[in-house]
């Protein structure tokens, strides 16, 4: 269903609800919007960190340890 159709259908349904239920729907939509904004922000941060060259200098460091340095104790 198209976005405009869904919005119009939702508005018609909201107009039939009592005030306290409209307030519930409003609170819920604010919650969903906040969650969506947080997810979008998190994705943006992850993308920036992934594309960043901030830790490129670590690639030039020699490895301090190898697999042979691992000792398992039971």
PDB file of N, CA and C in Angstrom:
ATOM      1  N   UNK A   1       0.845  -1.169   0.000  1.00  0.00           N
ATOM      2  CA  UNK A   1       0.000   0.000   0.000  1.00  0.00           C
ATOM      3  C   UNK A   1       0.897   1.241   0.000  1.00  0.00           C
ATOM      4  N   UNK A   2       0.466   2.246  -0.690  1.00  0.00           N
ATOM      5  CA  UNK A   2       1.268   3.458  -0.797  1.00  0.00           C
ATOM      6  C   UNK A   2       1.235   4.237   0.508  1.00  0.00           C
ATOM      7  N   UNK A   3       2.297   4.980   0.733  1.00  0.00           N
ATOM      8  CA  UNK A   3       2.465   5.755   1.965  1.00  0.00           C
ATOM      9  C   UNK A   3       1.297   6.699   2.213  1.00  0.00           C
ATOM     10  N   UNK A   4       0.910   7.457   1.216  1.00  0.00           N
ATOM     11  CA  UNK A   4      -0.185   8.428   1.373  1.00  0.00           C
ATOM     12  C   UNK A   4      -1.496   7.730   1.742  1.00  0.00           C
ATOM     13  N   UNK A   5      -1.748   6.601   1.146  1.00  0.00           N
ATOM     14  CA  UNK A   5      -2.963   5.846   1.446  1.00  0.00           C
ATOM     15  C   UNK A   5      -2.958   5.391   2.887  1.00  0.00           C
ATOM     16  N   UNK A   6      -1.814   4.886   3.349  1.00  0.00           N
ATOM     17  CA  UNK A   6      -1.700   4.440   4.740  1.00  0.00           C
ATOM     18  C   UNK A   6      -1.886   5.600   5.719  1.00  0.00           C
ATOM     19  N   UNK A   7      -1.297   6.729   5.405  1.00  0.00           N
ATOM     20  CA  UNK A   7      -1.430   7.905   6.271  1.00  0.00           C
ATOM     21  C   UNK A   7      -2.891   8.347   6.343  1.00  0.00           C
ATOM     22  N   UNK A   8      -3.544   8.424   5.210  1.00  0.00           N
ATOM     23  CA  UNK A   8      -4.947   8.843   5.183  1.00  0.00           C
ATOM     24  C   UNK A   8      -5.838   7.862   5.933  1.00  0.00           C
ATOM     25  N   UNK A   9      -5.590   6.574   5.751  1.00  0.00           N
ATOM     26  CA  UNK A   9      -6.374   5.550   6.441  1.00  0.00           C
ATOM     27  C   UNK A   9      -6.164   5.651   7.960  1.00  0.00           C
ATOM     28  N   UNK A  10      -4.935   5.885   8.358  1.00  0.00           N
ATOM     29  CA  UNK A  10      -4.616   6.017   9.777  1.00  0.00           C
ATOM     30  C   UNK A  10      -5.293   7.259  10.373  1.00  0.00           C
ATOM     31  N   UNK A  11      -5.261   8.363   9.635  1.00  0.00           N
ATOM     32  CA  UNK A  11      -5.916   9.589  10.110  1.00  0.00           C
ATOM     33  C   UNK A  11      -7.423   9.398  10.277  1.00  0.00           C
ATOM     34  N   UNK A  12      -8.028   8.689   9.349  1.00  0.00           N
ATOM     35  CA  UNK A  12      -9.470   8.414   9.464  1.00  0.00           C
ATOM     36  C   UNK A  12      -9.755   7.570  10.698  1.00  0.00           C
ATOM     37  N   UNK A  13      -8.914   6.574  10.931  1.00  0.00           N
ATOM     38  CA  UNK A  13      -9.091   5.724  12.114  1.00  0.00           C
ATOM     39  C   UNK A  13      -8.873   6.515  13.392  1.00  0.00           C
ATOM     40  N   UNK A  14      -7.882   7.372  13.412  1.00  0.00           N
ATOM     41  CA  UNK A  14      -7.601   8.189  14.591  1.00  0.00           C
ATOM     42  C   UNK A  14      -8.762   9.122  14.928  1.00  0.00           C
ATOM     43  N   UNK A  15      -9.392   9.642  13.909  1.00  0.00           N
ATOM     44  CA  UNK A  15     -10.496  10.577  14.153  1.00  0.00           C
ATOM     45  C   UNK A  15     -11.678   9.886  14.839  1.00  0.00           C
ATOM     46  N   UNK A  16     -11.734   8.572  14.783  1.00  0.00           N
ATOM     47  CA  UNK A  16     -12.828   7.818  15.407  1.00  0.00           C
ATOM     48  C   UNK A  16     -12.523   7.424  16.852  1.00  0.00           C
ATOM     49  N   UNK A  17     -11.275   7.566  17.269  1.00  0.00           N
ATOM     50  CA  UNK A  17     -10.872   7.144  18.608  1.00  0.00           C
ATOM     51  C   UNK A  17     -11.109   8.235  19.643  1.00  0.00           C
ATOM     52  N   UNK A  18     -11.301   7.825  20.904  1.00  0.00           N
ATOM     53  CA  UNK A  18     -11.395   8.825  21.978  1.00  0.00           C
ATOM     54  C   UNK A  18     -10.021   9.451  22.249  1.00  0.00           C
ATOM     55  N   UNK A  19     -10.022  10.582  22.930  1.00  0.00           N
ATOM     56  CA  UNK A  19      -8.787  11.347  23.156  1.00  0.00           C
ATOM     57  C   UNK A  19      -7.683  10.542  23.813  1.00  0.00           C
ATOM     58  N   UNK A  20      -8.022   9.733  24.816  1.00  0.00           N
ATOM     59  CA  UNK A  20      -6.980   8.982  25.515  1.00  0.00           C
ATOM     60  C   UNK A  20      -6.304   7.963  24.593  1.00  0.00           C
ATOM     61  N   UNK A  21      -7.058   7.396  23.665  1.00  0.00           N
ATOM     62  CA  UNK A  21      -6.475   6.438  22.715  1.00  0.00           C
ATOM     63  C   UNK A  21      -5.624   7.157  21.664  1.00  0.00           C
ATOM     64  N   UNK A  22      -6.051   8.348  21.276  1.00  0.00           N
ATOM     65  CA  UNK A  22      -5.257   9.147  20.334  1.00  0.00           C
ATOM     66  C   UNK A  22      -3.918   9.505  20.982  1.00  0.00           C
ATOM     67  N   UNK A  23      -3.949   9.831  22.270  1.00  0.00           N
ATOM     68  CA  UNK A  23      -2.721  10.133  23.001  1.00  0.00           C
ATOM     69  C   UNK A  23      -1.804   8.910  23.039  1.00  0.00           C
ATOM     70  N   UNK A  24      -2.377   7.726  23.217  1.00  0.00           N
ATOM     71  CA  UNK A  24      -1.591   6.482  23.203  1.00  0.00           C
ATOM     72  C   UNK A  24      -0.906   6.288  21.854  1.00  0.00           C
ATOM     73  N   UNK A  25      -1.656   6.498  20.795  1.00  0.00           N
ATOM     74  CA  UNK A  25      -1.096   6.357  19.448  1.00  0.00           C
ATOM     75  C   UNK A  25       0.013   7.381  19.232  1.00  0.00           C
ATOM     76  N   UNK A  26      -0.207   8.591  19.699  1.00  0.00           N
ATOM     77  CA  UNK A  26       0.802   9.635  19.564  1.00  0.00           C
ATOM     78  C   UNK A  26       2.077   9.266  20.320  1.00  0.00           C
ATOM     79  N   UNK A  27       1.931   8.770  21.539  1.00  0.00           N
ATOM     80  CA  UNK A  27       3.099   8.344  22.322  1.00  0.00           C
ATOM     81  C   UNK A  27       3.844   7.217  21.612  1.00  0.00           C
ATOM     82  N   UNK A  28       3.093   6.290  21.063  1.00  0.00           N
ATOM     83  CA  UNK A  28       3.710   5.162  20.375  1.00  0.00           C
ATOM     84  C   UNK A  28       4.461   5.609  19.125  1.00  0.00           C
ATOM     85  N   UNK A  29       3.876   6.529  18.366  1.00  0.00           N
ATOM     86  CA  UNK A  29       4.565   7.005  17.166  1.00  0.00           C
ATOM     87  C   UNK A  29       5.824   7.788  17.529  1.00  0.00           C
ATOM     88  N   UNK A  30       5.787   8.523  18.629  1.00  0.00           N
ATOM     89  CA  UNK A  30       6.994   9.227  19.086  1.00  0.00           C
ATOM     90  C   UNK A  30       8.076   8.231  19.485  1.00  0.00           C
ATOM     91  N   UNK A  31       7.676   7.134  20.128  1.00  0.00           N
ATOM     92  CA  UNK A  31       8.619   6.082  20.508  1.00  0.00           C
ATOM     93  C   UNK A  31       9.254   5.463  19.260  1.00  0.00           C
ATOM     94  N   UNK A  32       8.443   5.136  18.281  1.00  0.00           N
ATOM     95  CA  UNK A  32       8.952   4.539  17.038  1.00  0.00           C
ATOM     96  C   UNK A  32       9.889   5.508  16.331  1.00  0.00           C
ATOM     97  N   UNK A  33       9.525   6.775  16.273  1.00  0.00           N
ATOM     98  CA  UNK A  33      10.360   7.788  15.625  1.00  0.00           C
ATOM     99  C   UNK A  33      11.703   7.915  16.331  1.00  0.00           C
ATOM    100  N   UNK A  34      11.699   7.946  17.654  1.00  0.00           N
ATOM    101  CA  UNK A  34      12.939   8.044  18.409  1.00  0.00           C
ATOM    102  C   UNK A  34      13.825   6.828  18.144  1.00  0.00           C
ATOM    103  N   UNK A  35      13.224   5.658  18.151  1.00  0.00           N
ATOM    104  CA  UNK A  35      13.960   4.417  17.881  1.00  0.00           C
ATOM    105  C   UNK A  35      14.559   4.443  16.476  1.00  0.00           C
ATOM    106  N   UNK A  36      13.793   4.904  15.508  1.00  0.00           N
ATOM    107  CA  UNK A  36      14.261   5.003  14.123  1.00  0.00           C
ATOM    108  C   UNK A  36      15.430   5.981  14.014  1.00  0.00           C
ATOM    109  N   UNK A  37      15.320   7.125  14.690  1.00  0.00           N
ATOM    110  CA  UNK A  37      16.393   8.124  14.656  1.00  0.00           C
ATOM    111  C   UNK A  37      17.665   7.572  15.291  1.00  0.00           C
ATOM    112  N   UNK A  38      17.527   6.835  16.394  1.00  0.00           N
ATOM    113  CA  UNK A  38      18.690   6.245  17.059  1.00  0.00           C
ATOM    114  C   UNK A  38      19.362   5.202  16.157  1.00  0.00           C
ATOM    115  N   UNK A  39      18.556   4.380  15.482  1.00  0.00           N
ATOM    116  CA  UNK A  39      19.102   3.375  14.566  1.00  0.00           C
ATOM    117  C   UNK A  39      19.833   4.045  13.403  1.00  0.00           C
ATOM    118  N   UNK A  40      19.246   5.107  12.868  1.00  0.00           N
ATOM    119  CA  UNK A  40      19.857   5.836  11.764  1.00  0.00           C
ATOM    120  C   UNK A  40      21.178   6.458  12.202  1.00  0.00           C
ATOM    121  N   UNK A  41      21.193   7.035  13.393  1.00  0.00           N
ATOM    122  CA  UNK A  41      22.415   7.623  13.933  1.00  0.00           C
ATOM    123  C   UNK A  41      23.487   6.548  14.135  1.00  0.00           C
ATOM    124  N   UNK A  42      23.094   5.404  14.688  1.00  0.00           N
ATOM    125  CA  UNK A  42      24.035   4.308  14.919  1.00  0.00           C
ATOM    126  C   UNK A  42      24.630   3.818  13.602  1.00  0.00           C
ATOM    127  N   UNK A  43      23.806   3.678  12.579  1.00  0.00           N
ATOM    128  CA  UNK A  43      24.295   3.247  11.269  1.00  0.00           C
ATOM    129  C   UNK A  43      25.272   4.259  10.691  1.00  0.00           C
ATOM    130  N   UNK A  44      24.983   5.543  10.878  1.00  0.00           N
ATOM    131  CA  UNK A  44      25.879   6.588  10.398  1.00  0.00           C
ATOM    132  C   UNK A  44      27.222   6.543  11.104  1.00  0.00           C
ATOM    133  N   UNK A  45      27.192   6.341  12.410  1.00  0.00           N
ATOM    134  CA  UNK A  45      28.433   6.245  13.175  1.00  0.00           C
ATOM    135  C   UNK A  45      29.236   5.029  12.728  1.00  0.00           C
ATOM    136  N   UNK A  46      28.562   3.899  12.547  1.00  0.00           N
ATOM    137  CA  UNK A  46      29.246   2.684  12.092  1.00  0.00           C
ATOM    138  C   UNK A  46      29.875   2.888  10.720  1.00  0.00           C
ATOM    139  N   UNK A  47      29.178   3.575   9.847  1.00  0.00           N
ATOM    140  CA  UNK A  47      29.704   3.838   8.508  1.00  0.00           C
ATOM    141  C   UNK A  47      30.925   4.741   8.582  1.00  0.00           C
ATOM    142  N   UNK A  48      30.854   5.793   9.378  1.00  0.00           N
ATOM    143  CA  UNK A  48      31.998   6.695   9.525  1.00  0.00           C
ATOM    144  C   UNK A  48      33.207   5.966  10.109  1.00  0.00           C
ATOM    145  N   UNK A  49      32.968   5.146  11.114  1.00  0.00           N
ATOM    146  CA  UNK A  49      34.072   4.409  11.730  1.00  0.00           C
ATOM    147  C   UNK A  49      34.671   3.405  10.754  1.00  0.00           C
ATOM    148  N   UNK A  50      33.830   2.782   9.953  1.00  0.00           N
ATOM    149  CA  UNK A  50      34.307   1.807   8.982  1.00  0.00           C
ATOM    150  C   UNK A  50      35.134   2.445   7.874  1.00  0.00           C
ATOM    151  N   UNK A  51      34.784   3.647   7.506  1.00  0.00           N
ATOM    152  CA  UNK A  51      35.486   4.332   6.422  1.00  0.00           C
ATOM    153  C   UNK A  51      36.658   5.175   6.932  1.00  0.00           C
ATOM    154  N   UNK A  52      36.805   5.264   8.236  1.00  0.00           N
ATOM    155  CA  UNK A  52      37.838   6.092   8.837  1.00  0.00           C
ATOM    156  C   UNK A  52      39.221   5.462   8.681  1.00  0.00           C
ATOM    157  N   UNK A  53      40.209   6.314   8.598  1.00  0.00           N
ATOM    158  CA  UNK A  53      41.599   5.857   8.541  1.00  0.00           C
ATOM    159  C   UNK A  53      42.315   6.115   9.862  1.00  0.00           C
ATOM    160  N   UNK A  54      41.567   6.285  10.921  1.00  0.00           N
ATOM    161  CA  UNK A  54      42.123   6.658  12.218  1.00  0.00           C
ATOM    162  C   UNK A  54      43.103   5.621  12.761  1.00  0.00           C
ATOM    163  N   UNK A  55      42.912   4.351  12.428  1.00  0.00           N
ATOM    164  CA  UNK A  55      43.763   3.299  12.974  1.00  0.00           C
ATOM    165  C   UNK A  55      44.689   2.694  11.925  1.00  0.00           C
ATOM    166  N   UNK A  56      44.857   3.357  10.827  1.00  0.00           N
ATOM    167  CA  UNK A  56      45.737   2.853   9.768  1.00  0.00           C
ATOM    168  C   UNK A  56      47.173   2.689  10.251  1.00  0.00           C
ATOM    169  N   UNK A  57      47.601   3.519  11.179  1.00  0.00           N
ATOM    170  CA  UNK A  57      48.975   3.452  11.669  1.00  0.00           C
ATOM    171  C   UNK A  57      49.280   2.106  12.333  1.00  0.00           C
ATOM    172  N   UNK A  58      48.262   1.417  12.813  1.00  0.00           N
ATOM    173  CA  UNK A  58      48.480   0.125  13.461  1.00  0.00           C
ATOM    174  C   UNK A  58      48.898  -0.960  12.475  1.00  0.00           C
ATOM    175  N   UNK A  59      48.577  -0.792  11.224  1.00  0.00           N
ATOM    176  CA  UNK A  59      48.955  -1.785  10.215  1.00  0.00           C
ATOM    177  C   UNK A  59      50.462  -1.838  10.023  1.00  0.00           C
ATOM    178  N   UNK A  60      51.158  -0.750  10.329  1.00  0.00           N
ATOM    179  CA  UNK A  60      52.610  -0.696  10.155  1.00  0.00           C
ATOM    180  C   UNK A  60      53.367  -1.297  11.336  1.00  0.00           C
ATOM    181  N   UNK A  61      52.715  -1.485  12.472  1.00  0.00           N
ATOM    182  CA  UNK A  61      53.374  -2.063  13.640  1.00  0.00           C
ATOM    183  C   UNK A  61      53.630  -3.549  13.421  1.00  0.00           C
ATOM    184  N   UNK A  62      54.775  -4.014  13.946  1.00  0.00           N
ATOM    185  CA  UNK A  62      55.058  -5.442  13.838  1.00  0.00           C
ATOM    186  C   UNK A  62      54.221  -6.182  14.876  1.00  0.00           C
ATOM    187  N   UNK A  63      53.933  -7.434  14.579  1.00  0.00           N
ATOM    188  CA  UNK A  63      53.156  -8.249  15.497  1.00  0.00           C
ATOM    189  C   UNK A  63      54.007  -8.598  16.713  1.00  0.00           C
ATOM    190  N   UNK A  64      53.474  -8.375  17.887  1.00  0.00           N
ATOM    191  CA  UNK A  64      54.202  -8.677  19.113  1.00  0.00           C
ATOM    192  C   UNK A  64      54.093 -10.147  19.495  1.00  0.00           C
ATOM    193  N   UNK A  65      52.988 -10.761  19.106  1.00  0.00           N
ATOM    194  CA  UNK A  65      52.746 -12.146  19.470  1.00  0.00           C
ATOM    195  C   UNK A  65      52.369 -12.944  18.233  1.00  0.00           C
ATOM    196  N   UNK A  66      52.638 -14.241  18.295  1.00  0.00           N
ATOM    197  CA  UNK A  66      52.238 -15.147  17.221  1.00  0.00           C
ATOM    198  C   UNK A  66      51.383 -16.244  17.824  1.00  0.00           C
ATOM    199  N   UNK A  67      50.893 -17.113  16.974  1.00  0.00           N
ATOM    200  CA  UNK A  67      50.101 -18.243  17.437  1.00  0.00           C
ATOM    201  C   UNK A  67      50.933 -19.152  18.339  1.00  0.00           C
ATOM    202  N   UNK A  68      52.222 -19.214  18.102  1.00  0.00           N
ATOM    203  CA  UNK A  68      53.103 -20.064  18.909  1.00  0.00           C
ATOM    204  C   UNK A  68      53.216 -19.575  20.354  1.00  0.00           C
ATOM    205  N   UNK A  69      52.875 -18.328  20.609  1.00  0.00           N
ATOM    206  CA  UNK A  69      52.952 -17.782  21.964  1.00  0.00           C
ATOM    207  C   UNK A  69      51.759 -18.187  22.829  1.00  0.00           C
ATOM    208  N   UNK A  70      50.743 -18.760  22.240  1.00  0.00           N
ATOM    209  CA  UNK A  70      49.536 -19.131  22.977  1.00  0.00           C
ATOM    210  C   UNK A  70      49.783 -20.425  23.730  1.00  0.00           C
ATOM    211  N   UNK A  71      49.503 -20.402  25.027  1.00  0.00           N
ATOM    212  CA  UNK A  71      49.648 -21.593  25.861  1.00  0.00           C
ATOM    213  C   UNK A  71      48.327 -21.824  26.564  1.00  0.00           C
ATOM    214  N   UNK A  72      47.803 -23.020  26.413  1.00  0.00           N
ATOM    215  CA  UNK A  72      46.552 -23.362  27.080  1.00  0.00           C
ATOM    216  C   UNK A  72      46.868 -24.098  28.370  1.00  0.00           C
ATOM    217  N   UNK A  73      46.234 -23.695  29.457  1.00  0.00           N
ATOM    218  CA  UNK A  73      46.403 -24.369  30.737  1.00  0.00           C
ATOM    219  C   UNK A  73      45.033 -24.813  31.210  1.00  0.00           C
ATOM    220  N   UNK A  74      44.958 -26.036  31.710  1.00  0.00           N
ATOM    221  CA  UNK A  74      43.694 -26.581  32.208  1.00  0.00           C
ATOM    222  C   UNK A  74      43.766 -26.824  33.687  1.00  0.00           C
TER     223      UNK A  74
END
